[in-house]
PDB file of N, CA and C in Angstrom:
ATOM      1  N   UNK A   1       0.984  -0.779   0.208  1.00  0.00           N
ATOM      2  CA  UNK A   1      -0.191   0.178   0.207  1.00  0.00           C
ATOM      3  C   UNK A   1       1.079   0.710   0.672  1.00  0.00           C
ATOM      4  N   UNK A   2       0.098   2.140  -0.787  1.00  0.00           N
ATOM      5  CA  UNK A   2       1.414   3.461  -0.735  1.00  0.00           C
ATOM      6  C   UNK A   2       1.022   4.263   0.537  1.00  0.00           C
ATOM      7  N   UNK A   3       1.804   5.284   1.006  1.00  0.00           N
ATOM      8  CA  UNK A   3       2.053   5.914   2.124  1.00  0.00           C
ATOM      9  C   UNK A   3       1.369   7.117   1.638  1.00  0.00           C
ATOM     10  N   UNK A   4       0.611   7.974   2.449  1.00  0.00           N
ATOM     11  CA  UNK A   4      -0.417   9.258   1.064  1.00  0.00           C
ATOM     12  C   UNK A   4       0.503  10.436   1.139  1.00  0.00           C
ATOM     13  N   UNK A   5       1.369  10.173   1.031  1.00  0.00           N
ATOM     14  CA  UNK A   5       2.630  11.718   1.341  1.00  0.00           C
ATOM     15  C   UNK A   5       3.526  10.704  -0.561  1.00  0.00           C
ATOM     16  N   UNK A   6       3.088  10.145  -1.506  1.00  0.00           N
ATOM     17  CA  UNK A   6       3.708   9.432  -2.428  1.00  0.00           C
ATOM     18  C   UNK A   6       2.312   9.910  -3.065  1.00  0.00           C
ATOM     19  N   UNK A   7       1.479  10.402  -2.656  1.00  0.00           N
ATOM     20  CA  UNK A   7       0.498  10.343  -3.814  1.00  0.00           C
ATOM     21  C   UNK A   7       0.124  12.022  -4.149  1.00  0.00           C
ATOM     22  N   UNK A   8       0.701  12.230  -5.542  1.00  0.00           N
ATOM     23  CA  UNK A   8       0.688  14.037  -6.343  1.00  0.00           C
ATOM     24  C   UNK A   8       0.271  13.877  -7.489  1.00  0.00           C
ATOM     25  N   UNK A   9      -0.204  15.083  -8.007  1.00  0.00           N
ATOM     26  CA  UNK A   9      -0.708  15.224  -9.190  1.00  0.00           C
ATOM     27  C   UNK A   9       0.274  15.273 -10.367  1.00  0.00           C
ATOM     28  N   UNK A  10      -0.648  14.941 -10.940  1.00  0.00           N
ATOM     29  CA  UNK A  10      -0.277  13.850 -12.356  1.00  0.00           C
ATOM     30  C   UNK A  10       0.197  14.986 -13.029  1.00  0.00           C
ATOM     31  N   UNK A  11      -0.581  16.618 -12.959  1.00  0.00           N
ATOM     32  CA  UNK A  11       0.015  17.375 -13.823  1.00  0.00           C
ATOM     33  C   UNK A  11       1.194  18.331 -13.463  1.00  0.00           C
ATOM     34  N   UNK A  12       0.728  18.571 -12.406  1.00  0.00           N
ATOM     35  CA  UNK A  12       1.314  19.621 -11.791  1.00  0.00           C
ATOM     36  C   UNK A  12       2.405  19.090 -10.923  1.00  0.00           C
ATOM     37  N   UNK A  13       2.094  17.988 -10.131  1.00  0.00           N
ATOM     38  CA  UNK A  13       3.629  17.492  -9.066  1.00  0.00           C
ATOM     39  C   UNK A  13       3.119  17.865  -7.958  1.00  0.00           C
ATOM     40  N   UNK A  14       2.342  18.532  -7.564  1.00  0.00           N
ATOM     41  CA  UNK A  14       2.109  19.046  -5.776  1.00  0.00           C
ATOM     42  C   UNK A  14       1.428  17.848  -5.035  1.00  0.00           C
ATOM     43  N   UNK A  15       1.198  18.199  -3.854  1.00  0.00           N
ATOM     44  CA  UNK A  15       0.816  17.114  -3.152  1.00  0.00           C
ATOM     45  C   UNK A  15      -0.610  16.693  -3.386  1.00  0.00           C
ATOM     46  N   UNK A  16      -1.626  15.660  -3.210  1.00  0.00           N
ATOM     47  CA  UNK A  16      -2.563  15.418  -3.889  1.00  0.00           C
ATOM     48  C   UNK A  16      -3.262  15.833  -1.927  1.00  0.00           C
ATOM     49  N   UNK A  17      -4.911  16.566  -2.088  1.00  0.00           N
ATOM     50  CA  UNK A  17      -5.368  16.678  -0.895  1.00  0.00           C
ATOM     51  C   UNK A  17      -6.061  15.462  -1.363  1.00  0.00           C
ATOM     52  N   UNK A  18      -6.350  15.103   0.837  1.00  0.00           N
ATOM     53  CA  UNK A  18      -7.213  13.692   1.148  1.00  0.00           C
ATOM     54  C   UNK A  18      -8.186  13.352   0.100  1.00  0.00           C
ATOM     55  N   UNK A  19      -9.582  14.201   0.324  1.00  0.00           N
ATOM     56  CA  UNK A  19     -10.584  13.579  -0.614  1.00  0.00           C
ATOM     57  C   UNK A  19     -10.225  12.948  -1.408  1.00  0.00           C
ATOM     58  N   UNK A  20      -9.300  13.940  -2.546  1.00  0.00           N
ATOM     59  CA  UNK A  20      -8.785  13.260  -4.023  1.00  0.00           C
ATOM     60  C   UNK A  20      -7.686  12.263  -3.392  1.00  0.00           C
ATOM     61  N   UNK A  21      -6.833  11.366  -2.614  1.00  0.00           N
ATOM     62  CA  UNK A  21      -6.122  10.742  -2.054  1.00  0.00           C
ATOM     63  C   UNK A  21      -6.705   9.068  -2.090  1.00  0.00           C
ATOM     64  N   UNK A  22      -7.734   9.944  -1.617  1.00  0.00           N
ATOM     65  CA  UNK A  22      -9.038   8.556  -1.080  1.00  0.00           C
ATOM     66  C   UNK A  22      -9.390   8.118  -1.951  1.00  0.00           C
ATOM     67  N   UNK A  23      -9.890   9.121  -3.616  1.00  0.00           N
ATOM     68  CA  UNK A  23     -10.919   8.860  -4.536  1.00  0.00           C
ATOM     69  C   UNK A  23      -9.939   7.909  -5.963  1.00  0.00           C
ATOM     70  N   UNK A  24      -8.481   8.676  -5.540  1.00  0.00           N
ATOM     71  CA  UNK A  24      -7.409   7.859  -6.254  1.00  0.00           C
ATOM     72  C   UNK A  24      -7.156   8.683  -7.734  1.00  0.00           C
ATOM     73  N   UNK A  25      -7.703   9.986  -7.385  1.00  0.00           N
ATOM     74  CA  UNK A  25      -7.816  11.180  -8.364  1.00  0.00           C
ATOM     75  C   UNK A  25      -6.551  11.242  -8.991  1.00  0.00           C
ATOM     76  N   UNK A  26      -6.146  11.633 -10.351  1.00  0.00           N
ATOM     77  CA  UNK A  26      -4.492  11.727 -11.062  1.00  0.00           C
ATOM     78  C   UNK A  26      -4.540  13.196 -10.918  1.00  0.00           C
ATOM     79  N   UNK A  27      -5.429  13.740 -11.080  1.00  0.00           N
ATOM     80  CA  UNK A  27      -5.304  15.547 -10.876  1.00  0.00           C
ATOM     81  C   UNK A  27      -5.670  15.972  -9.176  1.00  0.00           C
ATOM     82  N   UNK A  28      -5.005  17.218  -9.228  1.00  0.00           N
ATOM     83  CA  UNK A  28      -5.157  17.956  -7.840  1.00  0.00           C
ATOM     84  C   UNK A  28      -6.438  19.237  -8.577  1.00  0.00           C
ATOM     85  N   UNK A  29      -7.158  19.637  -7.480  1.00  0.00           N
ATOM     86  CA  UNK A  29      -8.418  19.917  -7.625  1.00  0.00           C
ATOM     87  C   UNK A  29      -7.746  21.894  -8.425  1.00  0.00           C
ATOM     88  N   UNK A  30      -6.853  22.297  -8.616  1.00  0.00           N
ATOM     89  CA  UNK A  30      -6.203  23.711  -9.018  1.00  0.00           C
ATOM     90  C   UNK A  30      -6.411  22.793 -10.366  1.00  0.00           C
ATOM     91  N   UNK A  31      -5.702  22.420 -10.464  1.00  0.00           N
ATOM     92  CA  UNK A  31      -5.642  21.347 -12.407  1.00  0.00           C
ATOM     93  C   UNK A  31      -6.701  20.694 -12.577  1.00  0.00           C
ATOM     94  N   UNK A  32      -8.114  20.196 -12.097  1.00  0.00           N
ATOM     95  CA  UNK A  32      -9.417  19.428 -12.574  1.00  0.00           C
ATOM     96  C   UNK A  32      -9.981  20.918 -13.218  1.00  0.00           C
ATOM     97  N   UNK A  33      -9.929  21.770 -12.164  1.00  0.00           N
ATOM     98  CA  UNK A  33     -11.046  23.005 -12.542  1.00  0.00           C
ATOM     99  C   UNK A  33     -10.134  23.809 -14.075  1.00  0.00           C
ATOM    100  N   UNK A  34      -8.676  23.651 -14.495  1.00  0.00           N
ATOM    101  CA  UNK A  34      -8.290  24.331 -15.549  1.00  0.00           C
ATOM    102  C   UNK A  34      -8.123  23.571 -16.698  1.00  0.00           C
ATOM    103  N   UNK A  35      -8.258  22.442 -16.059  1.00  0.00           N
ATOM    104  CA  UNK A  35      -7.892  21.527 -17.297  1.00  0.00           C
ATOM    105  C   UNK A  35      -7.162  20.996 -17.729  1.00  0.00           C
ATOM    106  N   UNK A  36      -5.768  21.125 -16.595  1.00  0.00           N
ATOM    107  CA  UNK A  36      -4.874  20.680 -17.102  1.00  0.00           C
ATOM    108  C   UNK A  36      -4.103  19.860 -17.514  1.00  0.00           C
ATOM    109  N   UNK A  37      -3.454  19.150 -18.648  1.00  0.00           N
ATOM    110  CA  UNK A  37      -3.577  17.252 -19.305  1.00  0.00           C
ATOM    111  C   UNK A  37      -2.168  16.920 -18.389  1.00  0.00           C
ATOM    112  N   UNK A  38      -2.115  15.694 -18.037  1.00  0.00           N
ATOM    113  CA  UNK A  38      -1.234  14.947 -17.575  1.00  0.00           C
ATOM    114  C   UNK A  38      -0.257  14.581 -18.077  1.00  0.00           C
ATOM    115  N   UNK A  39       1.288  15.623 -17.109  1.00  0.00           N
ATOM    116  CA  UNK A  39       2.523  14.728 -17.851  1.00  0.00           C
ATOM    117  C   UNK A  39       2.425  13.902 -18.375  1.00  0.00           C
ATOM    118  N   UNK A  40       3.388  13.488 -19.145  1.00  0.00           N
ATOM    119  CA  UNK A  40       4.236  12.369 -18.970  1.00  0.00           C
ATOM    120  C   UNK A  40       5.708  11.826 -18.576  1.00  0.00           C
ATOM    121  N   UNK A  41       5.816  12.950 -17.957  1.00  0.00           N
ATOM    122  CA  UNK A  41       6.922  13.003 -17.237  1.00  0.00           C
ATOM    123  C   UNK A  41       6.775  12.362 -15.954  1.00  0.00           C
ATOM    124  N   UNK A  42       5.490  12.734 -15.266  1.00  0.00           N
ATOM    125  CA  UNK A  42       5.478  12.141 -13.772  1.00  0.00           C
ATOM    126  C   UNK A  42       4.138  11.313 -13.375  1.00  0.00           C
ATOM    127  N   UNK A  43       3.662  11.352 -15.573  1.00  0.00           N
ATOM    128  CA  UNK A  43       2.571   9.767 -15.599  1.00  0.00           C
ATOM    129  C   UNK A  43       4.241   8.264 -15.551  1.00  0.00           C
ATOM    130  N   UNK A  44       4.840   8.811 -15.863  1.00  0.00           N
ATOM    131  CA  UNK A  44       5.923   7.112 -15.886  1.00  0.00           C
ATOM    132  C   UNK A  44       7.058   7.745 -14.730  1.00  0.00           C
ATOM    133  N   UNK A  45       6.573   8.854 -13.804  1.00  0.00           N
ATOM    134  CA  UNK A  45       7.501   8.994 -12.663  1.00  0.00           C
ATOM    135  C   UNK A  45       6.642   7.718 -11.362  1.00  0.00           C
ATOM    136  N   UNK A  46       4.435   8.261 -11.780  1.00  0.00           N
ATOM    137  CA  UNK A  46       4.190   7.269 -10.051  1.00  0.00           C
ATOM    138  C   UNK A  46       4.045   6.402 -11.049  1.00  0.00           C
ATOM    139  N   UNK A  47       4.327   5.758 -12.454  1.00  0.00           N
ATOM    140  CA  UNK A  47       4.886   4.083 -12.541  1.00  0.00           C
ATOM    141  C   UNK A  47       5.963   2.954 -12.228  1.00  0.00           C
ATOM    142  N   UNK A  48       6.624   4.121 -12.025  1.00  0.00           N
ATOM    143  CA  UNK A  48       8.090   4.021 -11.749  1.00  0.00           C
ATOM    144  C   UNK A  48       7.636   3.778  -9.802  1.00  0.00           C
ATOM    145  N   UNK A  49       7.354   4.734  -9.555  1.00  0.00           N
ATOM    146  CA  UNK A  49       7.108   4.852  -8.121  1.00  0.00           C
ATOM    147  C   UNK A  49       6.002   3.054  -8.025  1.00  0.00           C
ATOM    148  N   UNK A  50       4.605   2.918  -8.637  1.00  0.00           N
ATOM    149  CA  UNK A  50       3.995   2.054  -8.233  1.00  0.00           C
ATOM    150  C   UNK A  50       5.046   0.271  -9.125  1.00  0.00           C
ATOM    151  N   UNK A  51       6.013   0.772  -9.791  1.00  0.00           N
ATOM    152  CA  UNK A  51       6.205  -0.516  -9.876  1.00  0.00           C
ATOM    153  C   UNK A  51       7.596  -0.852  -9.215  1.00  0.00           C
ATOM    154  N   UNK A  52       8.087  -0.653  -8.674  1.00  0.00           N
ATOM    155  CA  UNK A  52       8.801  -0.691  -7.942  1.00  0.00           C
ATOM    156  C   UNK A  52       9.473   0.331  -6.884  1.00  0.00           C
ATOM    157  N   UNK A  53       8.286   0.294  -5.897  1.00  0.00           N
ATOM    158  CA  UNK A  53       8.780   1.465  -4.268  1.00  0.00           C
ATOM    159  C   UNK A  53       9.829   1.808  -3.677  1.00  0.00           C
ATOM    160  N   UNK A  54       9.920   3.068  -4.006  1.00  0.00           N
ATOM    161  CA  UNK A  54      11.517   3.202  -3.170  1.00  0.00           C
ATOM    162  C   UNK A  54      12.603   2.820  -4.147  1.00  0.00           C
ATOM    163  N   UNK A  55      12.225   2.450  -5.717  1.00  0.00           N
ATOM    164  CA  UNK A  55      12.990   2.679  -6.342  1.00  0.00           C
ATOM    165  C   UNK A  55      13.315   3.535  -7.305  1.00  0.00           C
ATOM    166  N   UNK A  56      12.049   4.647  -7.295  1.00  0.00           N
ATOM    167  CA  UNK A  56      11.654   5.406  -8.041  1.00  0.00           C
ATOM    168  C   UNK A  56      12.810   6.919  -7.668  1.00  0.00           C
ATOM    169  N   UNK A  57      13.624   7.056  -9.427  1.00  0.00           N
ATOM    170  CA  UNK A  57      15.604   7.565  -8.923  1.00  0.00           C
ATOM    171  C   UNK A  57      14.123   8.836  -9.626  1.00  0.00           C
ATOM    172  N   UNK A  58      14.755  10.232  -9.853  1.00  0.00           N
ATOM    173  CA  UNK A  58      14.803  10.993 -10.336  1.00  0.00           C
ATOM    174  C   UNK A  58      16.130  12.395  -9.881  1.00  0.00           C
ATOM    175  N   UNK A  59      16.372  12.675 -11.304  1.00  0.00           N
ATOM    176  CA  UNK A  59      17.237  12.355 -11.672  1.00  0.00           C
ATOM    177  C   UNK A  59      17.755  13.920 -11.019  1.00  0.00           C
ATOM    178  N   UNK A  60      19.409  14.672 -10.589  1.00  0.00           N
ATOM    179  CA  UNK A  60      19.327  15.788 -10.583  1.00  0.00           C
ATOM    180  C   UNK A  60      18.953  17.276 -11.671  1.00  0.00           C
ATOM    181  N   UNK A  61      20.009  15.987 -12.396  1.00  0.00           N
ATOM    182  CA  UNK A  61      19.761  17.750 -13.194  1.00  0.00           C
ATOM    183  C   UNK A  61      17.903  18.145 -14.492  1.00  0.00           C
ATOM    184  N   UNK A  62      17.104  17.347 -14.163  1.00  0.00           N
ATOM    185  CA  UNK A  62      15.533  17.139 -14.160  1.00  0.00           C
ATOM    186  C   UNK A  62      15.503  18.937 -13.825  1.00  0.00           C
ATOM    187  N   UNK A  63      14.614  19.431 -14.247  1.00  0.00           N
ATOM    188  CA  UNK A  63      14.288  20.070 -13.712  1.00  0.00           C
ATOM    189  C   UNK A  63      12.864  20.519 -13.118  1.00  0.00           C
ATOM    190  N   UNK A  64      12.481  20.994 -12.452  1.00  0.00           N
ATOM    191  CA  UNK A  64      10.934  20.942 -11.554  1.00  0.00           C
ATOM    192  C   UNK A  64      10.300  20.608 -12.696  1.00  0.00           C
ATOM    193  N   UNK A  65       8.997  20.093 -12.287  1.00  0.00           N
ATOM    194  CA  UNK A  65       7.579  20.966 -13.294  1.00  0.00           C
ATOM    195  C   UNK A  65       7.323  21.121 -12.510  1.00  0.00           C
ATOM    196  N   UNK A  66       6.670  23.130 -13.553  1.00  0.00           N
ATOM    197  CA  UNK A  66       6.135  23.582 -12.848  1.00  0.00           C
ATOM    198  C   UNK A  66       5.054  24.300 -13.823  1.00  0.00           C
ATOM    199  N   UNK A  67       4.004  25.059 -13.596  1.00  0.00           N
ATOM    200  CA  UNK A  67       2.269  24.905 -14.322  1.00  0.00           C
ATOM    201  C   UNK A  67       3.385  26.392 -14.591  1.00  0.00           C
ATOM    202  N   UNK A  68       3.108  25.892 -15.867  1.00  0.00           N
ATOM    203  CA  UNK A  68       2.494  27.521 -16.556  1.00  0.00           C
ATOM    204  C   UNK A  68       1.127  28.600 -17.060  1.00  0.00           C
ATOM    205  N   UNK A  69       1.239  29.671 -17.165  1.00  0.00           N
ATOM    206  CA  UNK A  69       0.241  30.384 -17.201  1.00  0.00           C
ATOM    207  C   UNK A  69      -0.339  30.306 -18.872  1.00  0.00           C
ATOM    208  N   UNK A  70      -1.402  29.826 -18.198  1.00  0.00           N
ATOM    209  CA  UNK A  70      -2.539  29.829 -19.356  1.00  0.00           C
ATOM    210  C   UNK A  70      -2.561  31.186 -20.133  1.00  0.00           C
TER     211      UNK A  70
END
């Protein structure tokens, strides 16, 4: 089972709110409301965490995922 701090939005990378964690939502409230698409890189990170918990490595040279202005 996953710990609650492992749940993050697949669109912006921010931590998910508890109600969205319980319902296994893929995006946070803000991203759902704005219609932000899921990030391919964040989806790959979530998949790696699912397949091999504790082994998902985030490269240091990888820039942080930020939300862009619409």
